[in-house]
């Protein structure tokens, strides 16, 4: 099972790898950064480690 790296949006390491291979960069990371900037990040609530 792939390691979950984004508890807010459910992305795994494998998702990021596929994204980079498909697009040449991570559009997933761009999406995460945009969502965090707009205040839609809930990592503190969803991530068991609180990060």
PDB file of N, CA and C in Angstrom:
ATOM      1  N   UNK A   1       0.841  -1.185   0.000  1.00  0.00           N
ATOM      2  CA  UNK A   1       0.000   0.000   0.000  1.00  0.00           C
ATOM      3  C   UNK A   1       0.885   1.248   0.000  1.00  0.00           C
ATOM      4  N   UNK A   2       0.541   2.197  -0.826  1.00  0.00           N
ATOM      5  CA  UNK A   2       1.321   3.425  -0.948  1.00  0.00           C
ATOM      6  C   UNK A   2       1.149   4.295   0.296  1.00  0.00           C
ATOM      7  N   UNK A   3       2.206   4.983   0.632  1.00  0.00           N
ATOM      8  CA  UNK A   3       2.186   5.861   1.810  1.00  0.00           C
ATOM      9  C   UNK A   3       1.392   7.125   1.503  1.00  0.00           C
ATOM     10  N   UNK A   4       0.443   7.444   2.355  1.00  0.00           N
ATOM     11  CA  UNK A   4      -0.353   8.656   2.234  1.00  0.00           C
ATOM     12  C   UNK A   4       0.508   9.849   2.614  1.00  0.00           C
ATOM     13  N   UNK A   5       0.582  10.838   1.746  1.00  0.00           N
ATOM     14  CA  UNK A   5       1.400  12.011   2.047  1.00  0.00           C
ATOM     15  C   UNK A   5       0.559  13.263   2.247  1.00  0.00           C
ATOM     16  N   UNK A   6      -0.712  13.202   1.852  1.00  0.00           N
ATOM     17  CA  UNK A   6      -1.593  14.360   2.039  1.00  0.00           C
ATOM     18  C   UNK A   6      -2.911  13.876   2.616  1.00  0.00           C
ATOM     19  N   UNK A   7      -3.071  14.077   3.896  1.00  0.00           N
ATOM     20  CA  UNK A   7      -4.294  13.640   4.563  1.00  0.00           C
ATOM     21  C   UNK A   7      -5.490  14.502   4.171  1.00  0.00           C
ATOM     22  N   UNK A   8      -5.272  15.743   3.826  1.00  0.00           N
ATOM     23  CA  UNK A   8      -6.370  16.634   3.444  1.00  0.00           C
ATOM     24  C   UNK A   8      -7.030  16.185   2.139  1.00  0.00           C
ATOM     25  N   UNK A   9      -6.210  15.836   1.168  1.00  0.00           N
ATOM     26  CA  UNK A   9      -6.733  15.555  -0.167  1.00  0.00           C
ATOM     27  C   UNK A   9      -6.518  14.112  -0.609  1.00  0.00           C
ATOM     28  N   UNK A  10      -5.947  13.279   0.267  1.00  0.00           N
ATOM     29  CA  UNK A  10      -5.827  11.853   0.018  1.00  0.00           C
ATOM     30  C   UNK A  10      -4.786  11.421  -0.999  1.00  0.00           C
ATOM     31  N   UNK A  11      -3.762  12.217  -1.216  1.00  0.00           N
ATOM     32  CA  UNK A  11      -2.725  11.875  -2.197  1.00  0.00           C
ATOM     33  C   UNK A  11      -1.652  10.982  -1.577  1.00  0.00           C
ATOM     34  N   UNK A  12      -1.154  10.047  -2.401  1.00  0.00           N
ATOM     35  CA  UNK A  12      -0.105   9.126  -1.959  1.00  0.00           C
ATOM     36  C   UNK A  12       1.193   9.429  -2.692  1.00  0.00           C
ATOM     37  N   UNK A  13       2.272   8.802  -2.224  1.00  0.00           N
ATOM     38  CA  UNK A  13       3.562   8.930  -2.922  1.00  0.00           C
ATOM     39  C   UNK A  13       3.429   8.482  -4.377  1.00  0.00           C
ATOM     40  N   UNK A  14       2.699   7.389  -4.589  1.00  0.00           N
ATOM     41  CA  UNK A  14       2.512   6.885  -5.951  1.00  0.00           C
ATOM     42  C   UNK A  14       1.769   7.890  -6.828  1.00  0.00           C
ATOM     43  N   UNK A  15       0.784   8.593  -6.262  1.00  0.00           N
ATOM     44  CA  UNK A  15       0.065   9.622  -7.019  1.00  0.00           C
ATOM     45  C   UNK A  15       1.035  10.699  -7.493  1.00  0.00           C
ATOM     46  N   UNK A  16       1.918  11.142  -6.600  1.00  0.00           N
ATOM     47  CA  UNK A  16       2.883  12.186  -6.954  1.00  0.00           C
ATOM     48  C   UNK A  16       3.841  11.707  -8.036  1.00  0.00           C
ATOM     49  N   UNK A  17       4.316  10.471  -7.925  1.00  0.00           N
ATOM     50  CA  UNK A  17       5.220   9.923  -8.946  1.00  0.00           C
ATOM     51  C   UNK A  17       4.546   9.891 -10.320  1.00  0.00           C
ATOM     52  N   UNK A  18       3.314   9.368 -10.353  1.00  0.00           N
ATOM     53  CA  UNK A  18       2.573   9.304 -11.630  1.00  0.00           C
ATOM     54  C   UNK A  18       2.343  10.706 -12.202  1.00  0.00           C
ATOM     55  N   UNK A  19       2.024  11.643 -11.332  1.00  0.00           N
ATOM     56  CA  UNK A  19       1.766  13.020 -11.747  1.00  0.00           C
ATOM     57  C   UNK A  19       3.007  13.630 -12.403  1.00  0.00           C
ATOM     58  N   UNK A  20       4.167  13.444 -11.784  1.00  0.00           N
ATOM     59  CA  UNK A  20       5.410  13.977 -12.334  1.00  0.00           C
ATOM     60  C   UNK A  20       5.739  13.302 -13.663  1.00  0.00           C
ATOM     61  N   UNK A  21       5.570  11.985 -13.738  1.00  0.00           N
ATOM     62  CA  UNK A  21       5.840  11.280 -14.994  1.00  0.00           C
ATOM     63  C   UNK A  21       4.906  11.746 -16.105  1.00  0.00           C
ATOM     64  N   UNK A  22       3.669  11.988 -15.771  1.00  0.00           N
ATOM     65  CA  UNK A  22       2.677  12.401 -16.769  1.00  0.00           C
ATOM     66  C   UNK A  22       2.841  13.854 -17.205  1.00  0.00           C
ATOM     67  N   UNK A  23       3.161  14.745 -16.270  1.00  0.00           N
ATOM     68  CA  UNK A  23       3.169  16.180 -16.565  1.00  0.00           C
ATOM     69  C   UNK A  23       4.553  16.828 -16.545  1.00  0.00           C
ATOM     70  N   UNK A  24       5.564  16.100 -16.103  1.00  0.00           N
ATOM     71  CA  UNK A  24       6.894  16.675 -16.018  1.00  0.00           C
ATOM     72  C   UNK A  24       7.124  17.477 -14.748  1.00  0.00           C
ATOM     73  N   UNK A  25       6.087  17.647 -13.966  1.00  0.00           N
ATOM     74  CA  UNK A  25       6.152  18.311 -12.659  1.00  0.00           C
ATOM     75  C   UNK A  25       4.903  17.875 -11.895  1.00  0.00           C
ATOM     76  N   UNK A  26       4.814  18.217 -10.651  1.00  0.00           N
ATOM     77  CA  UNK A  26       3.681  17.774  -9.851  1.00  0.00           C
ATOM     78  C   UNK A  26       2.567  18.816  -9.834  1.00  0.00           C
ATOM     79  N   UNK A  27       1.534  18.562 -10.605  1.00  0.00           N
ATOM     80  CA  UNK A  27       0.356  19.418 -10.550  1.00  0.00           C
ATOM     81  C   UNK A  27      -0.387  19.208  -9.228  1.00  0.00           C
ATOM     82  N   UNK A  28      -0.243  18.014  -8.660  1.00  0.00           N
ATOM     83  CA  UNK A  28      -0.846  17.738  -7.357  1.00  0.00           C
ATOM     84  C   UNK A  28      -0.272  18.684  -6.305  1.00  0.00           C
ATOM     85  N   UNK A  29       1.042  18.846  -6.296  1.00  0.00           N
ATOM     86  CA  UNK A  29       1.652  19.751  -5.321  1.00  0.00           C
ATOM     87  C   UNK A  29       1.189  21.184  -5.546  1.00  0.00           C
ATOM     88  N   UNK A  30       1.055  21.583  -6.805  1.00  0.00           N
ATOM     89  CA  UNK A  30       0.551  22.932  -7.098  1.00  0.00           C
ATOM     90  C   UNK A  30      -0.865  23.086  -6.548  1.00  0.00           C
ATOM     91  N   UNK A  31      -1.684  22.057  -6.699  1.00  0.00           N
ATOM     92  CA  UNK A  31      -3.053  22.092  -6.181  1.00  0.00           C
ATOM     93  C   UNK A  31      -3.051  22.201  -4.654  1.00  0.00           C
ATOM     94  N   UNK A  32      -2.214  21.400  -4.002  1.00  0.00           N
ATOM     95  CA  UNK A  32      -2.136  21.431  -2.544  1.00  0.00           C
ATOM     96  C   UNK A  32      -1.704  22.815  -2.059  1.00  0.00           C
ATOM     97  N   UNK A  33      -0.695  23.390  -2.680  1.00  0.00           N
ATOM     98  CA  UNK A  33      -0.209  24.723  -2.296  1.00  0.00           C
ATOM     99  C   UNK A  33      -1.323  25.763  -2.462  1.00  0.00           C
ATOM    100  N   UNK A  34      -2.052  25.679  -3.569  1.00  0.00           N
ATOM    101  CA  UNK A  34      -3.146  26.614  -3.826  1.00  0.00           C
ATOM    102  C   UNK A  34      -4.249  26.473  -2.775  1.00  0.00           C
ATOM    103  N   UNK A  35      -4.616  25.241  -2.468  1.00  0.00           N
ATOM    104  CA  UNK A  35      -5.654  25.007  -1.461  1.00  0.00           C
ATOM    105  C   UNK A  35      -5.221  25.510  -0.080  1.00  0.00           C
ATOM    106  N   UNK A  36      -3.956  25.280   0.278  1.00  0.00           N
ATOM    107  CA  UNK A  36      -3.452  25.769   1.561  1.00  0.00           C
ATOM    108  C   UNK A  36      -3.494  27.294   1.608  1.00  0.00           C
ATOM    109  N   UNK A  37      -3.097  27.917   0.503  1.00  0.00           N
ATOM    110  CA  UNK A  37      -3.093  29.376   0.441  1.00  0.00           C
ATOM    111  C   UNK A  37      -4.502  29.929   0.643  1.00  0.00           C
ATOM    112  N   UNK A  38      -5.504  29.208   0.125  1.00  0.00           N
ATOM    113  CA  UNK A  38      -6.893  29.649   0.236  1.00  0.00           C
ATOM    114  C   UNK A  38      -7.562  29.198   1.538  1.00  0.00           C
ATOM    115  N   UNK A  39      -6.773  28.604   2.448  1.00  0.00           N
ATOM    116  CA  UNK A  39      -7.287  28.236   3.753  1.00  0.00           C
ATOM    117  C   UNK A  39      -8.086  26.939   3.783  1.00  0.00           C
ATOM    118  N   UNK A  40      -7.927  26.093   2.774  1.00  0.00           N
ATOM    119  CA  UNK A  40      -8.688  24.847   2.729  1.00  0.00           C
ATOM    120  C   UNK A  40      -7.847  23.635   3.128  1.00  0.00           C
ATOM    121  N   UNK A  41      -6.834  23.854   3.927  1.00  0.00           N
ATOM    122  CA  UNK A  41      -5.984  22.773   4.416  1.00  0.00           C
ATOM    123  C   UNK A  41      -6.448  22.396   5.820  1.00  0.00           C
ATOM    124  N   UNK A  42      -6.654  21.096   6.048  1.00  0.00           N
ATOM    125  CA  UNK A  42      -7.071  20.634   7.375  1.00  0.00           C
ATOM    126  C   UNK A  42      -6.097  19.599   7.911  1.00  0.00           C
ATOM    127  N   UNK A  43      -4.827  19.762   7.586  1.00  0.00           N
ATOM    128  CA  UNK A  43      -3.811  18.803   8.033  1.00  0.00           C
ATOM    129  C   UNK A  43      -3.812  18.621   9.541  1.00  0.00           C
ATOM    130  N   UNK A  44      -3.935  19.682  10.263  1.00  0.00           N
ATOM    131  CA  UNK A  44      -3.876  19.602  11.729  1.00  0.00           C
ATOM    132  C   UNK A  44      -4.985  18.708  12.277  1.00  0.00           C
ATOM    133  N   UNK A  45      -6.133  18.682  11.610  1.00  0.00           N
ATOM    134  CA  UNK A  45      -7.248  17.847  12.061  1.00  0.00           C
ATOM    135  C   UNK A  45      -7.174  16.429  11.508  1.00  0.00           C
ATOM    136  N   UNK A  46      -6.732  16.281  10.260  1.00  0.00           N
ATOM    137  CA  UNK A  46      -6.767  14.976   9.591  1.00  0.00           C
ATOM    138  C   UNK A  46      -5.503  14.145   9.750  1.00  0.00           C
ATOM    139  N   UNK A  47      -4.360  14.771   9.883  1.00  0.00           N
ATOM    140  CA  UNK A  47      -3.099  14.033   9.982  1.00  0.00           C
ATOM    141  C   UNK A  47      -2.911  13.565  11.428  1.00  0.00           C
ATOM    142  N   UNK A  48      -2.732  12.266  11.609  1.00  0.00           N
ATOM    143  CA  UNK A  48      -2.578  11.753  12.979  1.00  0.00           C
ATOM    144  C   UNK A  48      -1.407  12.382  13.755  1.00  0.00           C
ATOM    145  N   UNK A  49      -0.362  12.832  13.030  1.00  0.00           N
ATOM    146  CA  UNK A  49       0.763  13.448  13.731  1.00  0.00           C
ATOM    147  C   UNK A  49       0.549  14.937  13.970  1.00  0.00           C
ATOM    148  N   UNK A  50      -0.537  15.492  13.416  1.00  0.00           N
ATOM    149  CA  UNK A  50      -0.849  16.904  13.621  1.00  0.00           C
ATOM    150  C   UNK A  50      -0.075  17.847  12.754  1.00  0.00           C
ATOM    151  N   UNK A  51       0.514  17.350  11.647  1.00  0.00           N
ATOM    152  CA  UNK A  51       1.291  18.226  10.744  1.00  0.00           C
ATOM    153  C   UNK A  51       0.605  18.400   9.433  1.00  0.00           C
TER     154      UNK A  51
END
